[in-house]
């Protein structure tokens, strides 16, 4: 059975979607931003979560 949860990358704090038990899942997924391997207990597919605000500060100022 597949499941999903949302959380930050433990290394760079960018918002991620963790999809467990779906095709393409790996035991050593990498963060799409910092490319560091994330420790998981089940095969997981990790992707950037653009639907939520990131915990990171923006790298460039927002245009007004």
Protein backbone atom coordinates (compact mmCIF):
# COMPACT_ATOMS: atom_id res chain seq x y z
CA UNK A 1 0.00 0.00 0.00
CA UNK A 2 1.40 3.39 -0.93
CA UNK A 3 1.35 6.47 1.27
CA UNK A 4 2.51 10.07 1.11
CA UNK A 5 3.71 12.61 3.63
CA UNK A 6 5.23 16.06 3.50
CA UNK A 7 8.31 17.30 5.29
CA UNK A 8 11.54 19.23 4.93
CA UNK A 9 14.83 17.91 3.65
CA UNK A 10 16.98 17.15 6.71
CA UNK A 11 19.94 18.89 5.06
CA UNK A 12 18.68 22.02 3.25
CA UNK A 13 15.13 22.39 4.72
CA UNK A 14 13.40 22.66 1.32
CA UNK A 15 9.79 21.36 1.35
CA UNK A 16 9.53 17.81 -0.05
CA UNK A 17 6.84 15.25 -0.81
CA UNK A 18 7.75 11.74 0.31
CA UNK A 19 5.85 9.06 -1.67
CA UNK A 20 6.32 5.58 -0.22
CA UNK A 21 5.52 2.40 -2.10
CA UNK A 22 5.02 3.89 -5.57
CA UNK A 23 6.82 2.83 -8.74
CA UNK A 24 10.25 4.44 -8.99
CA UNK A 25 10.77 4.26 -5.22
CA UNK A 26 14.31 3.81 -3.91
CA UNK A 27 15.89 3.06 -0.56
CA UNK A 28 18.42 5.87 -1.13
CA UNK A 29 16.46 8.84 -2.57
CA UNK A 30 18.25 12.11 -3.16
CA UNK A 31 16.97 15.59 -2.41
CA UNK A 32 16.17 17.34 -5.71
CA UNK A 33 17.78 20.56 -4.45
CA UNK A 34 20.96 19.60 -2.55
CA UNK A 35 21.34 16.07 -4.07
CA UNK A 36 22.17 14.57 -0.66
CA UNK A 37 20.89 11.06 0.09
CA UNK A 38 17.97 11.04 2.55
CA UNK A 39 17.75 8.16 5.03
CA UNK A 40 14.39 6.33 4.75
CA UNK A 41 12.96 3.11 6.23
CA UNK A 42 10.79 2.13 3.21
CA UNK A 43 11.33 2.55 -0.54
CA UNK A 44 10.50 6.21 -1.15
CA UNK A 45 10.20 8.58 -4.10
CA UNK A 46 11.10 12.17 -3.15
CA UNK A 47 10.08 15.26 -5.10
CA UNK A 48 10.04 18.99 -4.45
CA UNK A 49 6.78 20.24 -2.94
CA UNK A 50 5.86 23.53 -4.59
CA UNK A 51 2.34 23.54 -3.13
CA UNK A 52 3.59 24.59 0.31
CA UNK A 53 5.75 27.45 1.45
CA UNK A 54 9.39 26.51 1.78
CA UNK A 55 11.25 26.96 5.05
CA UNK A 56 14.14 28.43 3.06
CA UNK A 57 14.45 32.16 2.54
CA UNK A 58 14.08 33.23 -1.11
CA UNK A 59 17.41 33.66 -2.89
CA UNK A 60 16.28 36.76 -4.76
CA UNK A 61 13.89 39.54 -3.74
CA UNK A 62 10.27 39.25 -4.77
CA UNK A 63 9.19 41.80 -7.44
CA UNK A 64 6.49 44.20 -6.30
